[in-house]
């Protein structure tokens, strides 16, 4: 990419979309197209068509599609799957027809089989059943990867797929029904601290382990992959901190300043017991994360305090 290349970050208001726009601007890539609130509705084929015909981006980062934690995946599987399928189909087809030089599609670690060997390697994709709690969303992400591959094989398009680790950071979704584990717990602990609640229940046993990577690092990895990787196989964006949910919850409580007791609700689902990405191919190319987990948590909480306002049951985060 040149500094004046027209670049489109699809899903610019998502956690990773916002981090990508900040990273690109910080690197001097100023010619960003479709910046919110001017981004089209990606579920509308007509709006996506009109946008590409006018904006003509040369490079596309695909960070779009609704997502959420276990609660949302269980409550709205059809909504999550359909939103991701529509956005993927519309963006990839427009990118092909309007001659996009390269597109980086961000899939999800949820796409790995539930019982795949750890750490997760791309060779394990589509070799077994998915985790039931997020199977619909994961299937949509697998379809996105396969569609990228199909366009590569049929048309020679420069479509690349990357799979990021569990991400968190500024601009995250802190709502209880949509938020992933770190932002949802951060909001709940903040509220419990304000109310002086002596105990806070946490979903599941606390034993599952997850690899966490701050959104700033993920965005940096995406830009690196866009510039240095063009292979047909997906590439894992990992190398972050692996913690149990119990350890992550304790770290969040320390950052927030919540001093109550954390209790774990065994009646709630755990999801996959271990999910870590094998980032060996990415490390061989020369990339590693640079932000430690504790620092990233503190940055996230500061952003939450500065930008999230309470309106009824939701936290509405200010746009950048």
C-alpha atoms as a PDB file:
ATOM      1  CA  UNK A   1       0.000   0.000   0.000  1.00  0.00           C
ATOM      2  CA  UNK A   2       1.140   3.520  -0.771  1.00  0.00           C
ATOM      3  CA  UNK A   3       0.371   6.357   1.630  1.00  0.00           C
ATOM      4  CA  UNK A   4      -2.109   7.830  -0.857  1.00  0.00           C
ATOM      5  CA  UNK A   5      -3.816   4.530  -1.759  1.00  0.00           C
ATOM      6  CA  UNK A   6      -7.608   4.665  -1.296  1.00  0.00           C
ATOM      7  CA  UNK A   7      -8.378   2.258   1.566  1.00  0.00           C
ATOM      8  CA  UNK A   8     -11.705   1.056   2.906  1.00  0.00           C
ATOM      9  CA  UNK A   9     -12.140  -0.466   6.359  1.00  0.00           C
ATOM     10  CA  UNK A  10     -15.427  -2.375   6.145  1.00  0.00           C
ATOM     11  CA  UNK A  11     -17.068  -2.364   9.558  1.00  0.00           C
ATOM     12  CA  UNK A  12     -15.433   0.884  10.608  1.00  0.00           C
ATOM     13  CA  UNK A  13     -17.472   1.160  13.802  1.00  0.00           C
ATOM     14  CA  UNK A  14     -16.541  -2.295  15.128  1.00  0.00           C
ATOM     15  CA  UNK A  15     -13.795  -2.774  17.695  1.00  0.00           C
ATOM     16  CA  UNK A  16     -11.241  -3.858  15.102  1.00  0.00           C
ATOM     17  CA  UNK A  17     -12.530  -1.468  12.461  1.00  0.00           C
ATOM     18  CA  UNK A  18     -11.959   1.522  14.733  1.00  0.00           C
ATOM     19  CA  UNK A  19      -8.524   0.219  15.750  1.00  0.00           C
ATOM     20  CA  UNK A  20      -7.599  -0.279  12.109  1.00  0.00           C
ATOM     21  CA  UNK A  21      -8.588   3.243  11.139  1.00  0.00           C
ATOM     22  CA  UNK A  22      -6.514   4.661  13.991  1.00  0.00           C
ATOM     23  CA  UNK A  23      -3.544   2.483  13.046  1.00  0.00           C
ATOM     24  CA  UNK A  24      -3.715   3.411   9.365  1.00  0.00           C
ATOM     25  CA  UNK A  25      -3.934   7.107  10.139  1.00  0.00           C
ATOM     26  CA  UNK A  26      -1.022   6.781  12.536  1.00  0.00           C
ATOM     27  CA  UNK A  27       1.042   5.190   9.752  1.00  0.00           C
ATOM     28  CA  UNK A  28       0.223   8.034   7.372  1.00  0.00           C
ATOM     29  CA  UNK A  29      -2.484   6.324   5.307  1.00  0.00           C
ATOM     30  CA  UNK A  30      -4.826   9.296   5.087  1.00  0.00           C
ATOM     31  CA  UNK A  31      -6.942   8.359   2.064  1.00  0.00           C
ATOM     32  CA  UNK A  32      -9.589   6.372   3.930  1.00  0.00           C
ATOM     33  CA  UNK A  33     -12.938   5.868   2.239  1.00  0.00           C
ATOM     34  CA  UNK A  34     -16.315   5.080   3.780  1.00  0.00           C
ATOM     35  CA  UNK A  35     -15.407   6.364   7.235  1.00  0.00           C
ATOM     36  CA  UNK A  36     -18.434   6.315   9.581  1.00  0.00           C
ATOM     37  CA  UNK A  37     -20.982   7.849   9.420  1.00  0.00           C
ATOM     38  CA  UNK A  38     -20.476   7.660   5.641  1.00  0.00           C
ATOM     39  CA  UNK A  39     -20.192   3.857   5.509  1.00  0.00           C
ATOM     40  CA  UNK A  40     -22.931   2.068   3.565  1.00  0.00           C
ATOM     41  CA  UNK A  41     -25.285  -0.482   5.076  1.00  0.00           C
ATOM     42  CA  UNK A  42     -23.352  -3.637   4.251  1.00  0.00           C
ATOM     43  CA  UNK A  43     -26.487  -5.787   4.310  1.00  0.00           C
ATOM     44  CA  UNK A  44     -27.811  -3.736   1.373  1.00  0.00           C
ATOM     45  CA  UNK A  45     -26.431  -4.813  -1.996  1.00  0.00           C
ATOM     46  CA  UNK A  46     -27.501  -1.513  -3.544  1.00  0.00           C
ATOM     47  CA  UNK A  47     -25.718   0.658  -0.999  1.00  0.00           C
ATOM     48  CA  UNK A  48     -22.525  -1.400  -1.262  1.00  0.00           C
ATOM     49  CA  UNK A  49     -22.665  -1.173  -5.053  1.00  0.00           C
ATOM     50  CA  UNK A  50     -23.103   2.607  -4.983  1.00  0.00           C
ATOM     51  CA  UNK A  51     -20.240   2.988  -2.501  1.00  0.00           C
ATOM     52  CA  UNK A  52     -17.730   0.945  -4.503  1.00  0.00           C
ATOM     53  CA  UNK A  53     -18.677   2.602  -7.783  1.00  0.00           C
ATOM     54  CA  UNK A  54     -17.902   6.012  -6.256  1.00  0.00           C
ATOM     55  CA  UNK A  55     -15.124   5.318  -3.721  1.00  0.00           C
ATOM     56  CA  UNK A  56     -13.095   2.804  -5.800  1.00  0.00           C
ATOM     57  CA  UNK A  57     -10.907   1.547  -2.932  1.00  0.00           C
ATOM     58  CA  UNK A  58      -7.672  -0.212  -3.872  1.00  0.00           C
ATOM     59  CA  UNK A  59      -7.337  -2.008  -0.522  1.00  0.00           C
ATOM     60  CA  UNK A  60     -10.072  -3.348   1.755  1.00  0.00           C
ATOM     61  CA  UNK A  61      -9.862  -4.513   5.364  1.00  0.00           C
ATOM     62  CA  UNK A  62     -12.973  -6.565   6.174  1.00  0.00           C
ATOM     63  CA  UNK A  63     -13.753  -6.135   9.888  1.00  0.00           C
ATOM     64  CA  UNK A  64     -17.525  -6.097   9.433  1.00  0.00           C
ATOM     65  CA  UNK A  65     -20.348  -8.220  10.792  1.00  0.00           C
ATOM     66  CA  UNK A  66     -22.266  -8.392  14.037  1.00  0.00           C
ATOM     67  CA  UNK A  67     -20.703 -10.421  16.834  1.00  0.00           C
ATOM     68  CA  UNK A  68     -21.071 -10.995  20.558  1.00  0.00           C
ATOM     69  CA  UNK A  69     -20.432 -13.281  23.501  1.00  0.00           C
ATOM     70  CA  UNK A  70     -22.026 -16.592  24.381  1.00  0.00           C
ATOM     71  CA  UNK A  71     -25.278 -14.947  25.498  1.00  0.00           C
ATOM     72  CA  UNK A  72     -25.866 -13.171  22.187  1.00  0.00           C
ATOM     73  CA  UNK A  73     -24.803 -16.191  20.131  1.00  0.00           C
ATOM     74  CA  UNK A  74     -27.363 -18.332  21.923  1.00  0.00           C
ATOM     75  CA  UNK A  75     -30.136 -15.712  21.763  1.00  0.00           C
ATOM     76  CA  UNK A  76     -29.724 -14.452  18.164  1.00  0.00           C
ATOM     77  CA  UNK A  77     -27.898 -17.042  16.033  1.00  0.00           C
ATOM     78  CA  UNK A  78     -29.921 -16.376  12.876  1.00  0.00           C
ATOM     79  CA  UNK A  79     -29.425 -12.603  13.124  1.00  0.00           C
ATOM     80  CA  UNK A  80     -25.653 -12.929  13.586  1.00  0.00           C
ATOM     81  CA  UNK A  81     -25.265 -15.451  10.795  1.00  0.00           C
ATOM     82  CA  UNK A  82     -27.392 -13.582   8.271  1.00  0.00           C
ATOM     83  CA  UNK A  83     -25.722 -10.214   8.968  1.00  0.00           C
ATOM     84  CA  UNK A  84     -22.264 -11.702   8.460  1.00  0.00           C
ATOM     85  CA  UNK A  85     -23.235 -13.653   5.342  1.00  0.00           C
ATOM     86  CA  UNK A  86     -24.841 -10.634   3.664  1.00  0.00           C
ATOM     87  CA  UNK A  87     -21.971  -8.267   4.464  1.00  0.00           C
ATOM     88  CA  UNK A  88     -19.410 -10.793   3.245  1.00  0.00           C
ATOM     89  CA  UNK A  89     -21.196 -11.586  -0.002  1.00  0.00           C
ATOM     90  CA  UNK A  90     -21.806  -7.940  -0.878  1.00  0.00           C
ATOM     91  CA  UNK A  91     -18.300  -6.677  -0.059  1.00  0.00           C
ATOM     92  CA  UNK A  92     -16.357  -9.515  -1.682  1.00  0.00           C
ATOM     93  CA  UNK A  93     -18.374  -9.434  -4.899  1.00  0.00           C
ATOM     94  CA  UNK A  94     -18.075  -5.648  -5.187  1.00  0.00           C
ATOM     95  CA  UNK A  95     -14.345  -5.861  -4.464  1.00  0.00           C
ATOM     96  CA  UNK A  96     -13.940  -8.309  -7.335  1.00  0.00           C
ATOM     97  CA  UNK A  97     -15.973  -6.343  -9.820  1.00  0.00           C
ATOM     98  CA  UNK A  98     -14.349  -2.999  -9.008  1.00  0.00           C
ATOM     99  CA  UNK A  99     -10.795  -4.294  -9.175  1.00  0.00           C
ATOM    100  CA  UNK A 100      -9.680  -4.114  -5.538  1.00  0.00           C
ATOM    101  CA  UNK A 101      -5.953  -4.886  -5.460  1.00  0.00           C
ATOM    102  CA  UNK A 102      -6.048  -6.746  -2.145  1.00  0.00           C
ATOM    103  CA  UNK A 103      -8.645  -7.572   0.494  1.00  0.00           C
ATOM    104  CA  UNK A 104      -7.953  -8.858   3.998  1.00  0.00           C
ATOM    105  CA  UNK A 105     -10.903 -10.765   5.425  1.00  0.00           C
ATOM    106  CA  UNK A 106     -11.008 -11.146   9.214  1.00  0.00           C
ATOM    107  CA  UNK A 107     -12.584 -14.431  10.217  1.00  0.00           C
ATOM    108  CA  UNK A 108     -12.858 -15.635  13.837  1.00  0.00           C
ATOM    109  CA  UNK A 109     -11.197 -18.184  16.090  1.00  0.00           C
ATOM    110  CA  UNK A 110     -14.745 -19.484  16.656  1.00  0.00           C
ATOM    111  CA  UNK A 111     -14.425 -21.083  13.218  1.00  0.00           C
ATOM    112  CA  UNK A 112     -12.100 -23.767  14.578  1.00  0.00           C
ATOM    113  CA  UNK A 113     -13.605 -27.151  15.507  1.00  0.00           C
ATOM    114  CA  UNK A 114     -14.481 -27.551  19.148  1.00  0.00           C
ATOM    115  CA  UNK A 115     -12.024 -30.410  19.681  1.00  0.00           C
ATOM    116  CA  UNK A 116      -9.240 -29.246  17.381  1.00  0.00           C
ATOM    117  CA  UNK A 117      -5.695 -29.796  18.707  1.00  0.00           C
ATOM    118  CA  UNK A 118      -4.222 -26.849  20.609  1.00  0.00           C
ATOM    119  CA  UNK A 119      -2.734 -24.442  19.754  1.00  0.00           C
ATOM    120  CA  UNK A 120      -5.106 -24.041  16.822  1.00  0.00           C
ATOM    121  CA  UNK A 121      -3.531 -24.429  13.379  1.00  0.00           C
ATOM    122  CA  UNK A 122      -5.243 -23.525  10.126  1.00  0.00           C
ATOM    123  CA  UNK A 123      -4.951 -27.150   8.988  1.00  0.00           C
ATOM    124  CA  UNK A 124      -7.647 -27.967  11.561  1.00  0.00           C
ATOM    125  CA  UNK A 125     -10.294 -25.768   9.956  1.00  0.00           C
ATOM    126  CA  UNK A 126     -13.377 -27.707   8.839  1.00  0.00           C
ATOM    127  CA  UNK A 127     -12.126 -31.010  10.268  1.00  0.00           C
ATOM    128  CA  UNK A 128     -14.786 -31.427  12.958  1.00  0.00           C
ATOM    129  CA  UNK A 129     -17.939 -30.066  14.623  1.00  0.00           C
ATOM    130  CA  UNK A 130     -17.995 -26.472  15.857  1.00  0.00           C
ATOM    131  CA  UNK A 131     -18.634 -25.260  19.395  1.00  0.00           C
ATOM    132  CA  UNK A 132     -22.482 -25.405  19.614  1.00  0.00           C
ATOM    133  CA  UNK A 133     -22.869 -22.079  21.434  1.00  0.00           C
ATOM    134  CA  UNK A 134     -21.547 -20.114  18.440  1.00  0.00           C
ATOM    135  CA  UNK A 135     -21.942 -22.524  15.525  1.00  0.00           C
ATOM    136  CA  UNK A 136     -24.123 -20.210  13.411  1.00  0.00           C
ATOM    137  CA  UNK A 137     -21.748 -17.245  13.648  1.00  0.00           C
ATOM    138  CA  UNK A 138     -18.721 -19.504  13.113  1.00  0.00           C
ATOM    139  CA  UNK A 139     -20.297 -21.056  10.014  1.00  0.00           C
ATOM    140  CA  UNK A 140     -20.755 -17.585   8.514  1.00  0.00           C
ATOM    141  CA  UNK A 141     -17.067 -16.844   9.135  1.00  0.00           C
ATOM    142  CA  UNK A 142     -16.063 -20.144   7.546  1.00  0.00           C
ATOM    143  CA  UNK A 143     -18.215 -19.232   4.543  1.00  0.00           C
ATOM    144  CA  UNK A 144     -16.351 -15.922   4.275  1.00  0.00           C
ATOM    145  CA  UNK A 145     -12.994 -17.673   4.182  1.00  0.00           C
ATOM    146  CA  UNK A 146     -14.263 -20.154   1.593  1.00  0.00           C
ATOM    147  CA  UNK A 147     -15.692 -17.350  -0.542  1.00  0.00           C
ATOM    148  CA  UNK A 148     -12.343 -15.550  -0.467  1.00  0.00           C
ATOM    149  CA  UNK A 149     -10.687 -18.776  -1.586  1.00  0.00           C
ATOM    150  CA  UNK A 150     -13.267 -19.292  -4.338  1.00  0.00           C
ATOM    151  CA  UNK A 151     -12.651 -15.798  -5.740  1.00  0.00           C
ATOM    152  CA  UNK A 152      -8.896 -16.435  -5.651  1.00  0.00           C
ATOM    153  CA  UNK A 153      -9.253 -19.693  -7.577  1.00  0.00           C
ATOM    154  CA  UNK A 154     -11.815 -18.531 -10.130  1.00  0.00           C
ATOM    155  CA  UNK A 155     -10.737 -14.933 -10.733  1.00  0.00           C
ATOM    156  CA  UNK A 156      -7.234 -14.631  -9.280  1.00  0.00           C
ATOM    157  CA  UNK A 157      -8.328 -11.997  -6.767  1.00  0.00           C
ATOM    158  CA  UNK A 158      -5.912 -10.999  -4.002  1.00  0.00           C
ATOM    159  CA  UNK A 159      -8.222 -12.007  -1.169  1.00  0.00           C
ATOM    160  CA  UNK A 160      -6.476 -13.095   2.043  1.00  0.00           C
ATOM    161  CA  UNK A 161      -8.004 -14.437   5.259  1.00  0.00           C
ATOM    162  CA  UNK A 162      -6.678 -13.791   8.780  1.00  0.00           C
ATOM    163  CA  UNK A 163      -7.993 -15.217  12.060  1.00  0.00           C
ATOM    164  CA  UNK A 164      -7.502 -12.932  15.087  1.00  0.00           C
ATOM    165  CA  UNK A 165      -7.357 -14.041  18.704  1.00  0.00           C
ATOM    166  CA  UNK A 166      -9.958 -12.811  21.206  1.00  0.00           C
ATOM    167  CA  UNK A 167      -9.691  -9.039  20.927  1.00  0.00           C
ATOM    168  CA  UNK A 168     -10.505  -6.212  23.299  1.00  0.00           C
ATOM    169  CA  UNK A 169      -9.689  -2.545  23.700  1.00  0.00           C
ATOM    170  CA  UNK A 170     -10.967   1.012  23.263  1.00  0.00           C
ATOM    171  CA  UNK A 171     -14.159   1.299  21.155  1.00  0.00           C
ATOM    172  CA  UNK A 172     -15.306  -2.126  22.354  1.00  0.00           C
ATOM    173  CA  UNK A 173     -18.980  -2.974  22.876  1.00  0.00           C
ATOM    174  CA  UNK A 174     -19.669  -2.808  26.620  1.00  0.00           C
ATOM    175  CA  UNK A 175     -23.339  -3.792  26.442  1.00  0.00           C
ATOM    176  CA  UNK A 176     -24.263  -6.844  28.495  1.00  0.00           C
ATOM    177  CA  UNK A 177     -26.087  -8.705  25.717  1.00  0.00           C
ATOM    178  CA  UNK A 178     -23.575  -8.062  22.916  1.00  0.00           C
ATOM    179  CA  UNK A 179     -20.253  -7.585  24.657  1.00  0.00           C
ATOM    180  CA  UNK A 180     -17.519 -10.226  24.699  1.00  0.00           C
ATOM    181  CA  UNK A 181     -16.058 -11.466  27.958  1.00  0.00           C
ATOM    182  CA  UNK A 182     -13.646  -8.618  28.781  1.00  0.00           C
ATOM    183  CA  UNK A 183     -15.845  -5.578  28.018  1.00  0.00           C
ATOM    184  CA  UNK A 184     -18.934  -7.211  29.537  1.00  0.00           C
ATOM    185  CA  UNK A 185     -17.088  -8.083  32.739  1.00  0.00           C
ATOM    186  CA  UNK A 186     -15.480  -4.644  32.854  1.00  0.00           C
ATOM    187  CA  UNK A 187     -18.859  -2.932  32.695  1.00  0.00           C
ATOM    188  CA  UNK A 188     -20.393  -5.245  35.301  1.00  0.00           C
ATOM    189  CA  UNK A 189     -17.475  -4.785  37.695  1.00  0.00           C
ATOM    190  CA  UNK A 190     -17.577  -1.030  37.273  1.00  0.00           C
ATOM    191  CA  UNK A 191     -21.294  -0.996  38.114  1.00  0.00           C
ATOM    192  CA  UNK A 192     -20.778  -3.373  41.047  1.00  0.00           C
ATOM    193  CA  UNK A 193     -18.034  -1.105  42.411  1.00  0.00           C
ATOM    194  CA  UNK A 194     -20.230   1.977  42.098  1.00  0.00           C
ATOM    195  CA  UNK A 195     -23.106   0.215  43.852  1.00  0.00           C
ATOM    196  CA  UNK A 196     -20.908  -1.321  46.517  1.00  0.00           C
ATOM    197  CA  UNK A 197     -22.033  -4.865  45.699  1.00  0.00           C
ATOM    198  CA  UNK A 198     -20.093  -7.451  47.733  1.00  0.00           C
ATOM    199  CA  UNK A 199     -20.314 -10.254  45.153  1.00  0.00           C
ATOM    200  CA  UNK A 200     -20.345 -10.525  41.371  1.00  0.00           C
ATOM    201  CA  UNK A 201     -21.465 -13.704  39.538  1.00  0.00           C
ATOM    202  CA  UNK A 202     -19.475 -14.740  36.452  1.00  0.00           C
ATOM    203  CA  UNK A 203     -20.775 -17.092  33.759  1.00  0.00           C
ATOM    204  CA  UNK A 204     -19.352 -20.613  33.706  1.00  0.00           C
ATOM    205  CA  UNK A 205     -16.763 -22.410  35.770  1.00  0.00           C
ATOM    206  CA  UNK A 206     -13.960 -19.937  35.150  1.00  0.00           C
ATOM    207  CA  UNK A 207     -11.709 -22.754  33.913  1.00  0.00           C
ATOM    208  CA  UNK A 208     -11.777 -22.125  30.121  1.00  0.00           C
ATOM    209  CA  UNK A 209      -8.623 -20.524  28.768  1.00  0.00           C
ATOM    210  CA  UNK A 210      -8.545 -17.860  26.084  1.00  0.00           C
ATOM    211  CA  UNK A 211      -5.807 -16.047  24.234  1.00  0.00           C
ATOM    212  CA  UNK A 212      -6.365 -12.296  24.519  1.00  0.00           C
ATOM    213  CA  UNK A 213      -4.873  -9.725  22.175  1.00  0.00           C
ATOM    214  CA  UNK A 214      -5.554  -6.003  22.392  1.00  0.00           C
ATOM    215  CA  UNK A 215      -7.196  -4.406  19.374  1.00  0.00           C
ATOM    216  CA  UNK A 216      -4.213  -2.103  18.849  1.00  0.00           C
ATOM    217  CA  UNK A 217      -1.986  -5.145  18.314  1.00  0.00           C
ATOM    218  CA  UNK A 218      -4.555  -6.847  16.094  1.00  0.00           C
ATOM    219  CA  UNK A 219      -4.777  -3.746  13.902  1.00  0.00           C
ATOM    220  CA  UNK A 220      -0.995  -3.578  13.663  1.00  0.00           C
ATOM    221  CA  UNK A 221      -0.957  -7.261  12.697  1.00  0.00           C
ATOM    222  CA  UNK A 222      -3.602  -6.667  10.018  1.00  0.00           C
ATOM    223  CA  UNK A 223      -1.589  -3.892   8.389  1.00  0.00           C
ATOM    224  CA  UNK A 224       1.499  -6.108   8.546  1.00  0.00           C
ATOM    225  CA  UNK A 225      -0.341  -9.023   6.908  1.00  0.00           C
ATOM    226  CA  UNK A 226      -1.775  -6.764   4.218  1.00  0.00           C
ATOM    227  CA  UNK A 227       1.756  -5.687   3.315  1.00  0.00           C
ATOM    228  CA  UNK A 228       3.651  -8.955   3.789  1.00  0.00           C
ATOM    229  CA  UNK A 229       1.376 -11.958   3.270  1.00  0.00           C
ATOM    230  CA  UNK A 230      -0.493 -13.123   0.200  1.00  0.00           C
ATOM    231  CA  UNK A 231      -0.868 -16.863   0.611  1.00  0.00           C
ATOM    232  CA  UNK A 232      -4.012 -18.918  -0.022  1.00  0.00           C
ATOM    233  CA  UNK A 233      -4.088 -20.366   3.497  1.00  0.00           C
ATOM    234  CA  UNK A 234      -5.605 -18.329   6.356  1.00  0.00           C
ATOM    235  CA  UNK A 235      -3.056 -16.911   8.785  1.00  0.00           C
ATOM    236  CA  UNK A 236      -3.556 -16.701  12.549  1.00  0.00           C
ATOM    237  CA  UNK A 237      -3.182 -13.309  14.239  1.00  0.00           C
ATOM    238  CA  UNK A 238      -2.092 -14.518  17.659  1.00  0.00           C
ATOM    239  CA  UNK A 239       0.740 -14.489  20.130  1.00  0.00           C
ATOM    240  CA  UNK A 240      -1.193 -12.761  22.897  1.00  0.00           C
ATOM    241  CA  UNK A 241      -1.689 -13.614  26.568  1.00  0.00           C
ATOM    242  CA  UNK A 242      -3.342 -16.944  27.434  1.00  0.00           C
ATOM    243  CA  UNK A 243      -5.416 -16.753  30.623  1.00  0.00           C
ATOM    244  CA  UNK A 244      -8.236 -18.649  32.253  1.00  0.00           C
ATOM    245  CA  UNK A 245     -11.503 -16.758  32.645  1.00  0.00           C
ATOM    246  CA  UNK A 246     -10.816 -16.763  36.391  1.00  0.00           C
ATOM    247  CA  UNK A 247      -7.428 -15.083  35.843  1.00  0.00           C
ATOM    248  CA  UNK A 248      -8.863 -12.605  33.349  1.00  0.00           C
ATOM    249  CA  UNK A 249     -11.709 -11.691  35.714  1.00  0.00           C
ATOM    250  CA  UNK A 250      -9.250 -11.129  38.568  1.00  0.00           C
ATOM    251  CA  UNK A 251      -7.107  -8.872  36.371  1.00  0.00           C
ATOM    252  CA  UNK A 252     -10.159  -6.844  35.309  1.00  0.00           C
ATOM    253  CA  UNK A 253     -11.248  -6.483  38.935  1.00  0.00           C
ATOM    254  CA  UNK A 254      -7.799  -5.142  39.817  1.00  0.00           C
ATOM    255  CA  UNK A 255      -7.876  -2.571  37.001  1.00  0.00           C
ATOM    256  CA  UNK A 256     -11.437  -1.484  37.789  1.00  0.00           C
ATOM    257  CA  UNK A 257     -10.838  -1.426  41.517  1.00  0.00           C
ATOM    258  CA  UNK A 258     -13.625  -3.862  42.364  1.00  0.00           C
ATOM    259  CA  UNK A 259     -12.912  -5.485  45.733  1.00  0.00           C
ATOM    260  CA  UNK A 260     -15.913  -7.800  45.982  1.00  0.00           C
ATOM    261  CA  UNK A 261     -15.977 -11.572  45.650  1.00  0.00           C
ATOM    262  CA  UNK A 262     -16.159 -13.203  42.205  1.00  0.00           C
ATOM    263  CA  UNK A 263     -18.469 -16.243  42.139  1.00  0.00           C
ATOM    264  CA  UNK A 264     -18.739 -18.572  39.153  1.00  0.00           C
ATOM    265  CA  UNK A 265     -22.114 -19.854  37.919  1.00  0.00           C
ATOM    266  CA  UNK A 266     -21.596 -23.473  36.848  1.00  0.00           C
ATOM    267  CA  UNK A 267     -25.081 -23.614  35.321  1.00  0.00           C
ATOM    268  CA  UNK A 268     -23.972 -21.313  32.496  1.00  0.00           C
ATOM    269  CA  UNK A 269     -22.044 -22.629  29.454  1.00  0.00           C
ATOM    270  CA  UNK A 270     -18.272 -22.398  29.251  1.00  0.00           C
ATOM    271  CA  UNK A 271     -17.805 -22.639  25.499  1.00  0.00           C
ATOM    272  CA  UNK A 272     -14.531 -24.196  24.336  1.00  0.00           C
ATOM    273  CA  UNK A 273     -12.310 -25.100  27.285  1.00  0.00           C
ATOM    274  CA  UNK A 274      -9.127 -23.924  25.538  1.00  0.00           C
ATOM    275  CA  UNK A 275      -8.671 -21.634  22.561  1.00  0.00           C
ATOM    276  CA  UNK A 276      -5.179 -20.535  21.555  1.00  0.00           C
ATOM    277  CA  UNK A 277      -3.871 -19.773  18.081  1.00  0.00           C
ATOM    278  CA  UNK A 278      -0.678 -21.116  16.570  1.00  0.00           C
ATOM    279  CA  UNK A 279       0.927 -17.904  15.275  1.00  0.00           C
ATOM    280  CA  UNK A 280       4.168 -19.548  14.075  1.00  0.00           C
ATOM    281  CA  UNK A 281       3.709 -18.500  10.395  1.00  0.00           C
ATOM    282  CA  UNK A 282       3.127 -14.883  11.450  1.00  0.00           C
ATOM    283  CA  UNK A 283       6.166 -14.890  13.746  1.00  0.00           C
ATOM    284  CA  UNK A 284       8.296 -16.258  10.923  1.00  0.00           C
ATOM    285  CA  UNK A 285       7.293 -13.252   8.834  1.00  0.00           C
ATOM    286  CA  UNK A 286       8.601 -11.023  11.625  1.00  0.00           C
ATOM    287  CA  UNK A 287       5.537  -9.836  13.559  1.00  0.00           C
ATOM    288  CA  UNK A 288       4.849 -10.074  17.305  1.00  0.00           C
ATOM    289  CA  UNK A 289       2.419  -8.243  19.597  1.00  0.00           C
ATOM    290  CA  UNK A 290       3.868  -5.348  21.579  1.00  0.00           C
ATOM    291  CA  UNK A 291       1.227  -4.396  24.189  1.00  0.00           C
ATOM    292  CA  UNK A 292       1.059  -6.378  27.437  1.00  0.00           C
ATOM    293  CA  UNK A 293      -2.297  -7.545  28.736  1.00  0.00           C
ATOM    294  CA  UNK A 294      -2.360  -5.446  31.910  1.00  0.00           C
ATOM    295  CA  UNK A 295      -1.503  -2.234  30.034  1.00  0.00           C
ATOM    296  CA  UNK A 296      -4.188  -2.940  27.435  1.00  0.00           C
ATOM    297  CA  UNK A 297      -6.783  -3.557  30.174  1.00  0.00           C
ATOM    298  CA  UNK A 298      -5.944  -0.220  31.800  1.00  0.00           C
ATOM    299  CA  UNK A 299      -6.231   1.600  28.444  1.00  0.00           C
ATOM    300  CA  UNK A 300      -9.586  -0.052  27.828  1.00  0.00           C
ATOM    301  CA  UNK A 301     -10.957   0.970  31.217  1.00  0.00           C
ATOM    302  CA  UNK A 302      -9.788   4.565  30.788  1.00  0.00           C
ATOM    303  CA  UNK A 303     -11.541   4.693  27.415  1.00  0.00           C
ATOM    304  CA  UNK A 304     -14.677   3.181  28.930  1.00  0.00           C
ATOM    305  CA  UNK A 305     -14.777   5.856  31.638  1.00  0.00           C
ATOM    306  CA  UNK A 306     -14.252   8.651  29.115  1.00  0.00           C
ATOM    307  CA  UNK A 307     -16.549   7.536  26.309  1.00  0.00           C
ATOM    308  CA  UNK A 308     -19.293   5.258  27.609  1.00  0.00           C
ATOM    309  CA  UNK A 309     -22.462   6.844  28.939  1.00  0.00           C
ATOM    310  CA  UNK A 310     -25.323   5.014  30.598  1.00  0.00           C
ATOM    311  CA  UNK A 311     -28.670   5.157  28.823  1.00  0.00           C
ATOM    312  CA  UNK A 312     -31.136   2.630  30.247  1.00  0.00           C
ATOM    313  CA  UNK A 313     -29.841  -0.948  29.911  1.00  0.00           C
ATOM    314  CA  UNK A 314     -27.147  -0.110  27.346  1.00  0.00           C
ATOM    315  CA  UNK A 315     -23.813   1.644  27.291  1.00  0.00           C
ATOM    316  CA  UNK A 316     -23.678   3.745  24.139  1.00  0.00           C
ATOM    317  CA  UNK A 317     -20.081   4.399  23.139  1.00  0.00           C
ATOM    318  CA  UNK A 318     -19.156   7.697  21.572  1.00  0.00           C
ATOM    319  CA  UNK A 319     -18.035   7.555  17.946  1.00  0.00           C
ATOM    320  CA  UNK A 320     -14.459   8.487  17.140  1.00  0.00           C
END
